[in-house]
């Protein structure tokens, strides 16, 4: 099978970029012939913004890539900014079937993450045009930028380009429910649920070193301020890995509190080593998330996850089995779960660890993901193949 992957890289490498790179390698290792067409938000920033609705250069580049490689199917990931929906118009003109992974909610709201001013922002799901989002400037606190994104979003929705996509891949049941409840107008049969995955590290769980670990972007929606507030008073040891706009706040908290250690950015190998030695991963996000790779990586290491009960995390982590839930943005409830965890016996924690690894093996292995991806591609290349999708794929519990 020949597969063309299309993705626009983010300015700062994030989870989507990692997913794309790992899926490319996974498909190649499964015997598929894969080409990657990458766009990047570089060069003239003003020109990139102007071309948000339609980038003629990206349109032509996509046409050339399809003609040269002649794929059986195209898999589209991020199109924002530099690729733009022009890529889909190019694909439509070629007649090649194409699928899209929806890593976020950009098709529904200019915010992309349904989050603004420290809380969930759902107005755009109900409005014919996201006027509230525009008034609030939910994209980079800019009313003009938000308006231009909203116009582009609405224009292509009215032109029906999203309805030409053969399959939309969403990462969780929660994401599917949000898209179906929106005004996007895509029918349910076009959505399939396929979670992310991670290549499994050697399962050599080292001795619990009694510290909690946070890995991820240092930003408001990730619950960083909640995290720092809780651990500055709890006395429990916290190690933080990452980078982002709240870097200075994390550094200040680390300096002021001996129990908070900021480690900066780490290699994948170093992250896995710390995941393997921490007592639990802390995931305090206060937005819905797509499908956090960090949680999957923790499970691969046999590490339980203590997370906010919100969005995808509510389905990924099973309370009192492979982790614990606390109410999103609730300091008291988060502290109570940390206390509960610390009071567990060594044997009790070991049960959670075994369950965490079991969750990984049942849902998030590369082998299972490869089967699911190839089944999706086959279903759009030969529609009759759709009925032959594995039952585990059709009813993924995440």
Protein backbone atom coordinates (compact mmCIF):
# COMPACT_ATOMS: atom_id res chain seq x y z
CA UNK A 1 0.00 0.00 0.00
CA UNK A 2 1.28 3.48 -0.91
CA UNK A 3 0.40 6.19 1.62
CA UNK A 4 1.05 9.92 1.41
CA UNK A 5 1.13 11.65 4.81
CA UNK A 6 0.56 15.43 4.88
CA UNK A 7 1.36 17.55 7.94
CA UNK A 8 2.17 21.17 8.78
CA UNK A 9 4.77 21.23 11.57
CA UNK A 10 4.26 23.42 14.61
CA UNK A 11 6.69 26.18 15.50
CA UNK A 12 7.44 24.38 18.75
CA UNK A 13 7.43 20.62 18.39
CA UNK A 14 4.46 19.08 20.14
CA UNK A 15 2.47 15.91 20.48
CA UNK A 16 1.00 16.05 16.97
CA UNK A 17 4.45 16.27 15.39
CA UNK A 18 5.56 13.27 17.42
CA UNK A 19 2.47 11.27 16.44
CA UNK A 20 3.05 11.95 12.74
CA UNK A 21 6.72 10.93 12.89
CA UNK A 22 5.92 7.74 14.80
CA UNK A 23 3.03 6.78 12.50
CA UNK A 24 5.26 7.19 9.45
CA UNK A 25 7.85 4.84 10.92
CA UNK A 26 5.18 2.43 12.10
CA UNK A 27 3.62 2.17 8.64
CA UNK A 28 7.00 1.68 6.99
CA UNK A 29 7.89 -1.06 9.44
CA UNK A 30 4.56 -2.70 8.59
CA UNK A 31 5.56 -2.93 4.92
CA UNK A 32 3.78 0.12 3.53
CA UNK A 33 5.43 2.57 1.14
CA UNK A 34 5.14 5.99 2.78
CA UNK A 35 5.97 9.51 1.65
CA UNK A 36 5.76 12.52 3.99
CA UNK A 37 4.79 15.94 2.64
CA UNK A 38 5.68 18.52 5.28
CA UNK A 39 4.69 22.17 5.41
CA UNK A 40 6.05 24.67 7.93
CA UNK A 41 4.97 28.06 9.23
CA UNK A 42 8.12 29.87 8.17
CA UNK A 43 8.96 32.87 6.03
CA UNK A 44 6.68 35.90 5.77
CA UNK A 45 4.36 35.71 8.78
CA UNK A 46 1.90 38.23 7.33
CA UNK A 47 1.68 36.28 4.08
CA UNK A 48 1.01 33.07 6.01
CA UNK A 49 -1.84 34.77 7.86
CA UNK A 50 -3.33 36.20 4.66
CA UNK A 51 -3.26 32.72 3.09
CA UNK A 52 -5.08 31.01 5.97
CA UNK A 53 -8.23 30.43 3.85
CA UNK A 54 -6.35 29.24 0.76
CA UNK A 55 -2.63 28.83 0.12
CA UNK A 56 -2.11 28.53 -3.64
CA UNK A 57 1.48 27.34 -3.21
CA UNK A 58 0.34 24.51 -0.88
CA UNK A 59 -2.37 23.57 -3.38
CA UNK A 60 0.16 23.22 -6.20
CA UNK A 61 2.68 21.42 -3.99
CA UNK A 62 0.04 18.86 -3.00
CA UNK A 63 -0.95 18.24 -6.62
CA UNK A 64 2.70 17.66 -7.56
CA UNK A 65 3.28 15.30 -4.62
CA UNK A 66 0.25 13.17 -5.51
CA UNK A 67 1.15 12.99 -9.19
CA UNK A 68 4.74 12.02 -8.42
CA UNK A 69 4.07 9.42 -5.72
CA UNK A 70 0.66 8.18 -6.93
CA UNK A 71 -0.54 6.96 -3.50
CA UNK A 72 -3.46 4.66 -2.88
CA UNK A 73 -4.59 6.90 0.01
CA UNK A 74 -3.62 10.21 1.63
CA UNK A 75 -3.59 10.83 5.38
CA UNK A 76 -3.87 14.50 6.43
CA UNK A 77 -2.89 15.78 9.87
CA UNK A 78 -2.43 19.47 10.75
CA UNK A 79 -3.11 22.07 8.02
CA UNK A 80 -2.75 25.24 10.10
CA UNK A 81 -1.40 27.82 8.90
CA UNK A 82 0.90 27.17 5.94
CA UNK A 83 -0.87 24.19 4.39
CA UNK A 84 -4.42 25.55 4.71
CA UNK A 85 -7.60 23.79 3.52
CA UNK A 86 -6.25 24.28 -0.02
CA UNK A 87 -4.63 20.88 0.47
CA UNK A 88 -8.07 19.26 0.62
CA UNK A 89 -9.21 20.97 -2.57
CA UNK A 90 -6.06 19.68 -4.25
CA UNK A 91 -6.75 16.14 -3.03
CA UNK A 92 -10.37 16.35 -4.13
CA UNK A 93 -9.24 17.22 -7.66
CA UNK A 94 -7.01 14.13 -7.85
CA UNK A 95 -9.72 11.62 -6.97
CA UNK A 96 -7.43 9.91 -4.42
CA UNK A 97 -9.26 8.94 -1.18
CA UNK A 98 -8.11 10.86 1.88
CA UNK A 99 -8.56 10.66 5.63
CA UNK A 100 -7.94 13.32 8.29
CA UNK A 101 -6.87 12.97 11.90
CA UNK A 102 -8.53 15.60 14.08
CA UNK A 103 -5.95 16.19 16.81
CA UNK A 104 -7.82 19.23 18.17
CA UNK A 105 -11.05 21.20 17.67
CA UNK A 106 -9.86 23.82 15.17
CA UNK A 107 -12.72 22.96 12.78
CA UNK A 108 -15.17 24.02 15.48
CA UNK A 109 -13.54 27.03 17.13
CA UNK A 110 -10.66 29.43 16.38
CA UNK A 111 -9.24 28.58 19.81
CA UNK A 112 -8.61 25.00 18.57
CA UNK A 113 -8.64 23.76 22.18
CA UNK A 114 -12.08 24.93 23.38
CA UNK A 115 -10.34 26.77 26.21
CA UNK A 116 -10.14 30.47 27.10
CA UNK A 117 -9.49 32.56 30.19
CA UNK A 118 -8.71 29.57 32.36
CA UNK A 119 -11.78 27.48 31.60
CA UNK A 120 -13.59 25.51 28.93
CA UNK A 121 -14.94 27.67 26.10
CA UNK A 122 -17.83 25.97 24.30
CA UNK A 123 -19.72 28.90 22.78
CA UNK A 124 -18.49 28.12 19.27
CA UNK A 125 -20.18 24.71 19.35
CA UNK A 126 -23.58 26.38 19.56
CA UNK A 127 -23.19 29.49 17.40
CA UNK A 128 -23.81 29.59 13.64
CA UNK A 129 -20.73 31.84 13.40
CA UNK A 130 -18.23 31.93 16.33
CA UNK A 131 -18.90 35.57 17.12
CA UNK A 132 -18.20 35.20 20.86
CA UNK A 133 -14.80 33.72 20.10
CA UNK A 134 -14.06 36.69 17.84
CA UNK A 135 -15.15 39.24 20.43
CA UNK A 136 -12.96 37.60 23.05
CA UNK A 137 -10.01 37.18 20.70
CA UNK A 138 -9.58 33.54 21.71
CA UNK A 139 -6.71 32.99 19.25
CA UNK A 140 -3.54 34.60 20.60
CA UNK A 141 -5.68 37.28 22.32
CA UNK A 142 -6.19 38.90 18.90
CA UNK A 143 -9.62 39.90 17.61
CA UNK A 144 -8.42 40.38 13.97
CA UNK A 145 -6.60 37.01 13.87
CA UNK A 146 -9.52 35.23 15.51
CA UNK A 147 -11.94 36.85 13.05
CA UNK A 148 -9.85 35.78 10.05
CA UNK A 149 -9.64 32.21 11.33
CA UNK A 150 -13.39 32.19 11.98
CA UNK A 151 -14.11 33.46 8.45
CA UNK A 152 -11.89 30.75 6.95
CA UNK A 153 -13.48 28.07 9.11
CA UNK A 154 -17.01 29.13 8.16
CA UNK A 155 -16.18 29.61 4.47
CA UNK A 156 -14.91 26.07 4.00
CA UNK A 157 -17.74 24.64 6.05
CA UNK A 158 -20.22 26.38 3.74
CA UNK A 159 -18.32 25.17 0.66
CA UNK A 160 -18.61 21.62 2.01
CA UNK A 161 -14.96 20.65 1.71
CA UNK A 162 -14.97 18.79 5.03
CA UNK A 163 -17.77 16.57 3.79
CA UNK A 164 -15.46 15.32 1.01
CA UNK A 165 -13.10 13.72 3.55
CA UNK A 166 -13.59 9.95 3.42
CA UNK A 167 -12.84 9.31 7.11
CA UNK A 168 -12.17 11.47 10.14
CA UNK A 169 -9.94 9.85 12.74
CA UNK A 170 -10.62 11.08 16.26
CA UNK A 171 -8.57 10.04 19.25
CA UNK A 172 -11.28 9.40 21.83
CA UNK A 173 -14.98 8.80 22.28
CA UNK A 174 -15.20 12.20 23.97
CA UNK A 175 -13.81 13.97 20.88
CA UNK A 176 -16.25 12.13 18.63
CA UNK A 177 -19.17 13.23 20.80
CA UNK A 178 -18.07 16.86 20.61
CA UNK A 179 -17.79 16.83 16.83
CA UNK A 180 -21.15 15.11 16.42
CA UNK A 181 -22.86 17.62 18.73
CA UNK A 182 -21.43 20.57 16.80
CA UNK A 183 -22.66 22.41 13.71
CA UNK A 184 -20.00 20.84 11.50
CA UNK A 185 -22.60 18.57 9.89
CA UNK A 186 -20.44 15.47 9.42
CA UNK A 187 -22.36 12.20 9.70
CA UNK A 188 -21.43 9.68 12.39
CA UNK A 189 -20.34 6.94 10.00
CA UNK A 190 -17.45 9.10 8.81
CA UNK A 191 -15.86 9.15 12.26
CA UNK A 192 -13.61 6.39 13.54
CA UNK A 193 -11.83 6.26 16.88
CA UNK A 194 -8.15 5.39 16.85
CA UNK A 195 -6.03 6.30 19.87
CA UNK A 196 -2.39 7.30 19.75
CA UNK A 197 0.33 4.82 20.63
CA UNK A 198 3.93 4.72 21.72
CA UNK A 199 6.74 2.33 21.02
CA UNK A 200 7.18 0.36 24.19
CA UNK A 201 10.36 0.91 26.21
CA UNK A 202 11.91 -2.09 27.94
CA UNK A 203 9.51 -2.92 30.74
CA UNK A 204 12.00 -2.73 33.57
CA UNK A 205 10.18 -0.91 36.33
CA UNK A 206 12.81 0.30 38.79
CA UNK A 207 12.29 0.87 42.47
CA UNK A 208 9.76 3.57 43.33
CA UNK A 209 11.78 6.69 44.19
CA UNK A 210 8.77 8.39 45.78
CA UNK A 211 8.52 11.46 43.56
CA UNK A 212 5.71 12.56 41.31
CA UNK A 213 6.44 13.53 37.70
CA UNK A 214 4.96 16.05 35.29
CA UNK A 215 5.91 15.90 31.60
CA UNK A 216 4.55 18.34 29.05
CA UNK A 217 4.03 21.87 27.89
CA UNK A 218 4.31 24.55 30.57
CA UNK A 219 1.13 26.45 29.79
CA UNK A 220 -2.07 27.58 31.45
CA UNK A 221 -4.38 25.00 29.86
CA UNK A 222 -2.10 22.19 31.08
CA UNK A 223 -2.92 23.09 34.69
CA UNK A 224 0.61 24.23 35.54
CA UNK A 225 -0.51 26.90 37.99
CA UNK A 226 -2.70 24.36 39.79
CA UNK A 227 0.23 21.95 39.89
CA UNK A 228 2.63 24.50 41.37
CA UNK A 229 0.09 25.71 43.93
CA UNK A 230 -0.67 22.21 45.19
CA UNK A 231 2.92 21.03 45.47
CA UNK A 232 4.17 24.25 47.03
CA UNK A 233 2.03 23.40 50.07
CA UNK A 234 1.86 19.59 50.00
CA UNK A 235 5.48 18.79 50.76
CA UNK A 236 5.48 15.93 48.24
CA UNK A 237 8.39 15.82 45.80
CA UNK A 238 7.59 16.87 42.23
CA UNK A 239 9.86 16.78 39.19
CA UNK A 240 8.85 18.77 36.12
CA UNK A 241 9.98 18.20 32.51
CA UNK A 242 9.02 20.56 29.73
CA UNK A 243 9.08 24.04 28.24
CA UNK A 244 6.52 26.68 27.41
CA UNK A 245 5.13 30.15 28.14
CA UNK A 246 4.95 29.60 31.92
CA UNK A 247 8.61 28.60 32.13
CA UNK A 248 9.53 31.52 34.38
CA UNK A 249 6.77 30.67 36.87
CA UNK A 250 7.98 27.07 37.04
CA UNK A 251 11.56 28.20 37.60
CA UNK A 252 10.48 30.58 40.36
CA UNK A 253 8.47 27.84 42.09
CA UNK A 254 11.43 25.48 41.84
CA UNK A 255 13.72 28.06 43.43
CA UNK A 256 11.25 28.84 46.23
CA UNK A 257 10.33 25.22 47.06
CA UNK A 258 12.89 22.50 47.72
CA UNK A 259 10.37 19.78 46.90
CA UNK A 260 9.76 21.11 43.35
CA UNK A 261 12.54 20.29 40.90
CA UNK A 262 12.53 21.70 37.38
CA UNK A 263 14.52 19.48 35.00
CA UNK A 264 13.99 21.40 31.73
CA UNK A 265 13.69 19.47 28.49
CA UNK A 266 14.81 15.84 28.33
CA UNK A 267 15.40 13.23 25.65
CA UNK A 268 12.84 10.50 25.10
CA UNK A 269 15.17 8.00 26.76
CA UNK A 270 15.55 10.23 29.82
CA UNK A 271 11.79 10.76 30.04
CA UNK A 272 11.16 7.01 30.00
CA UNK A 273 13.78 6.50 32.72
CA UNK A 274 12.08 9.07 34.95
CA UNK A 275 8.63 7.65 34.17
CA UNK A 276 9.94 4.27 35.21
CA UNK A 277 11.23 5.49 38.55
CA UNK A 278 8.52 7.96 39.67
CA UNK A 279 5.70 6.89 41.96
CA UNK A 280 3.03 8.30 39.58
CA UNK A 281 2.58 10.69 36.67
CA UNK A 282 0.62 13.86 37.45
CA UNK A 283 -1.56 15.15 34.61
CA UNK A 284 -3.46 18.26 35.81
CA UNK A 285 -4.75 19.56 32.45
CA UNK A 286 -7.79 21.84 32.59
CA UNK A 287 -8.77 21.53 28.92
CA UNK A 288 -10.21 18.54 27.08
CA UNK A 289 -6.96 17.35 25.43
CA UNK A 290 -6.89 15.08 22.39
CA UNK A 291 -5.05 11.92 23.37
CA UNK A 292 -2.09 12.76 25.65
CA UNK A 293 0.97 10.75 24.63
CA UNK A 294 2.45 11.27 28.08
CA UNK A 295 -0.29 9.15 29.65
CA UNK A 296 0.27 6.39 27.11
CA UNK A 297 4.03 6.52 27.73
CA UNK A 298 3.43 6.28 31.48
CA UNK A 299 1.26 3.19 31.01
CA UNK A 300 3.96 1.68 28.78
CA UNK A 301 6.35 2.07 31.71
CA UNK A 302 3.89 0.53 34.13
CA UNK A 303 3.36 3.91 35.81
CA UNK A 304 -0.07 4.89 37.19
CA UNK A 305 -1.52 8.30 36.31
CA UNK A 306 -3.22 10.80 38.62
CA UNK A 307 -5.22 13.05 36.30
CA UNK A 308 -7.99 15.58 36.10
CA UNK A 309 -11.35 13.98 35.32
CA UNK A 310 -11.93 15.78 32.06
CA UNK A 311 -12.29 14.97 28.38
CA UNK A 312 -10.09 12.19 27.04
CA UNK A 313 -8.43 11.65 30.42
CA UNK A 314 -11.74 10.55 31.91
CA UNK A 315 -11.78 7.59 29.53
CA UNK A 316 -8.06 6.85 29.33
CA UNK A 317 -7.49 6.43 33.06
CA UNK A 318 -9.71 4.05 35.02
CA UNK A 319 -9.98 5.20 38.66
CA UNK A 320 -8.67 2.78 41.27
CA UNK A 321 -7.37 0.51 38.49
CA UNK A 322 -4.49 2.18 36.63
CA UNK A 323 -4.69 5.61 38.23
CA UNK A 324 -6.83 8.18 40.01
CA UNK A 325 -9.10 11.07 38.98
CA UNK A 326 -9.48 14.44 40.67
CA UNK A 327 -11.89 17.23 39.79
CA UNK A 328 -10.40 19.53 37.17
CA UNK A 329 -8.82 22.69 38.60
CA UNK A 330 -9.72 21.63 42.16
CA UNK A 331 -6.76 21.95 44.54
CA UNK A 332 -8.44 20.25 47.47
CA UNK A 333 -9.46 17.21 45.46
CA UNK A 334 -6.04 16.91 43.86
CA UNK A 335 -4.35 17.01 47.27
CA UNK A 336 -6.76 14.38 48.58
CA UNK A 337 -5.80 12.03 45.74
CA UNK A 338 -2.09 12.62 46.35
CA UNK A 339 -2.62 11.84 50.04
CA UNK A 340 -4.58 8.70 49.16
CA UNK A 341 -1.83 7.53 46.84
CA UNK A 342 0.93 8.10 49.35
CA UNK A 343 -0.96 6.14 51.99
CA UNK A 344 -1.27 3.05 49.80
CA UNK A 345 0.90 0.08 50.70
CA UNK A 346 3.73 -1.04 48.46
CA UNK A 347 1.64 -4.02 47.39
CA UNK A 348 -1.33 -1.77 46.65
CA UNK A 349 0.73 0.48 44.39
CA UNK A 350 2.13 -2.56 42.62
CA UNK A 351 -1.39 -3.60 41.61
CA UNK A 352 -1.88 -0.21 39.97
CA UNK A 353 1.45 -0.55 38.17
CA UNK A 354 0.58 -3.94 36.76
CA UNK A 355 -2.79 -2.62 35.63
CA UNK A 356 -1.16 0.40 33.96
CA UNK A 357 1.05 -1.85 31.88
CA UNK A 358 -1.92 -4.07 31.06
CA UNK A 359 -3.85 -1.01 29.81
CA UNK A 360 -0.97 -0.18 27.49
CA UNK A 361 -0.75 -3.71 26.12
CA UNK A 362 -4.51 -3.85 25.48
CA UNK A 363 -4.95 -0.42 23.84
CA UNK A 364 -1.79 1.40 22.84
CA UNK A 365 0.78 -0.93 21.28
CA UNK A 366 2.32 -0.19 17.87
CA UNK A 367 1.03 -3.51 16.52
CA UNK A 368 -2.59 -2.71 17.36
CA UNK A 369 -2.23 0.79 15.97
CA UNK A 370 -0.77 -0.45 12.68
CA UNK A 371 -3.69 -2.84 12.23
CA UNK A 372 -6.17 -0.04 12.90
CA UNK A 373 -4.50 2.42 10.53
CA UNK A 374 -4.28 -0.07 7.69
CA UNK A 375 -7.91 -1.08 8.23
CA UNK A 376 -8.98 2.57 7.94
CA UNK A 377 -7.02 3.03 4.74
CA UNK A 378 -8.41 -0.18 3.28
CA UNK A 379 -11.97 0.91 4.08
CA UNK A 380 -11.67 4.06 1.94
CA UNK A 381 -9.68 2.44 -0.86
CA UNK A 382 -12.26 -0.36 -1.08
CA UNK A 383 -15.41 0.72 0.82
CA UNK A 384 -16.63 -2.87 1.11
CA UNK A 385 -13.66 -3.55 3.38
CA UNK A 386 -15.23 -1.37 6.07
CA UNK A 387 -17.33 -4.24 7.34
CA UNK A 388 -14.17 -6.24 7.96
CA UNK A 389 -12.71 -3.87 10.53
CA UNK A 390 -11.62 -5.67 13.72
CA UNK A 391 -14.24 -5.56 16.44
CA UNK A 392 -11.68 -4.05 18.83
CA UNK A 393 -11.30 -1.18 16.38
CA UNK A 394 -15.01 -0.63 15.86
CA UNK A 395 -15.72 -0.42 19.57
CA UNK A 396 -12.55 1.08 21.02
CA UNK A 397 -13.40 1.97 24.63
CA UNK A 398 -11.23 5.07 24.83
